[in-house]
N, C-alpha and C. Protein backbone atom coordinates (compact mmCIF):
# COMPACT_ATOMS: atom_id res chain seq x y z
N UNK A 1 154.26 108.17 -6.70
CA UNK A 1 154.50 106.73 -6.43
C UNK A 1 155.05 105.97 -7.66
N UNK A 2 155.96 105.30 -7.76
CA UNK A 2 156.59 104.83 -8.82
C UNK A 2 155.98 103.13 -8.90
N UNK A 3 156.62 102.39 -9.96
CA UNK A 3 156.06 101.10 -9.96
C UNK A 3 156.67 100.30 -8.74
N UNK A 4 157.83 100.48 -8.57
CA UNK A 4 158.39 99.68 -7.64
C UNK A 4 157.75 99.79 -6.33
N UNK A 5 157.47 101.10 -5.89
CA UNK A 5 156.92 101.36 -4.58
C UNK A 5 155.11 100.47 -4.75
N UNK A 6 154.72 100.76 -5.82
CA UNK A 6 153.44 100.10 -5.87
C UNK A 6 153.30 98.53 -5.69
N UNK A 7 154.29 97.90 -6.21
CA UNK A 7 154.52 96.47 -6.31
C UNK A 7 154.99 96.14 -4.56
N UNK A 8 155.82 96.92 -4.01
CA UNK A 8 156.11 96.57 -2.68
C UNK A 8 154.81 96.90 -1.95
N UNK A 9 153.96 97.73 -1.91
CA UNK A 9 152.73 97.78 -1.24
C UNK A 9 152.03 96.65 -1.47
N UNK A 10 151.71 96.15 -2.80
CA UNK A 10 150.85 95.11 -3.17
C UNK A 10 151.30 93.89 -2.30
N UNK A 11 152.73 93.59 -2.18
CA UNK A 11 153.33 92.42 -1.71
C UNK A 11 152.94 92.60 -0.15
N UNK A 12 152.94 93.73 0.41
CA UNK A 12 152.83 93.93 1.86
C UNK A 12 151.37 93.63 2.17
N UNK A 13 150.48 94.05 1.37
CA UNK A 13 148.99 93.85 1.50
C UNK A 13 149.07 92.33 1.43
N UNK A 14 149.50 91.69 0.55
CA UNK A 14 149.29 89.99 0.20
C UNK A 14 149.79 89.54 1.52
N UNK A 15 151.05 89.88 2.24
CA UNK A 15 151.38 89.25 3.12
C UNK A 15 150.56 89.38 4.22
N UNK A 16 149.92 90.46 4.62
CA UNK A 16 149.00 90.63 5.66
C UNK A 16 147.78 89.84 5.49
N UNK A 17 147.32 89.89 4.20
CA UNK A 17 145.91 88.90 3.79
C UNK A 17 146.31 87.43 4.21
N UNK A 18 147.50 87.15 3.87
CA UNK A 18 148.03 85.82 4.03
C UNK A 18 147.90 85.41 5.70
N UNK A 19 148.48 86.43 6.52
CA UNK A 19 148.48 86.14 8.07
C UNK A 19 147.07 86.25 8.67
N UNK A 20 146.31 87.13 8.10
CA UNK A 20 144.87 86.98 8.54
C UNK A 20 144.05 85.84 8.19
N UNK A 21 144.47 85.08 7.00
CA UNK A 21 143.82 83.86 6.52
C UNK A 21 144.25 82.84 7.34
N UNK A 22 145.82 82.78 7.78
CA UNK A 22 145.92 81.79 8.68
C UNK A 22 145.42 81.71 10.03
N UNK A 23 145.39 82.89 10.56
CA UNK A 23 144.57 83.19 11.90
C UNK A 23 143.15 82.85 11.75
N UNK A 24 142.51 82.97 10.72
CA UNK A 24 141.31 82.84 10.68
C UNK A 24 141.12 81.03 10.61
N UNK A 25 141.90 80.44 9.88
CA UNK A 25 142.11 78.90 9.45
C UNK A 25 142.20 78.39 10.94
N UNK A 26 143.21 79.06 11.84
CA UNK A 26 143.40 78.61 13.33
C UNK A 26 141.97 78.54 13.98
N UNK A 27 141.34 79.79 14.07
CA UNK A 27 140.02 80.03 14.70
C UNK A 27 139.00 78.81 14.15
N UNK A 28 138.96 78.44 13.07
CA UNK A 28 137.96 77.89 12.58
C UNK A 28 137.93 76.46 12.93
């Protein structure tokens, strides 16, 4: 895995985390 792939994976995880936070905020 090169640096670009690592950053891409981190960005994707961050997007998922943001989406989950948004859903939890709606539920709360």
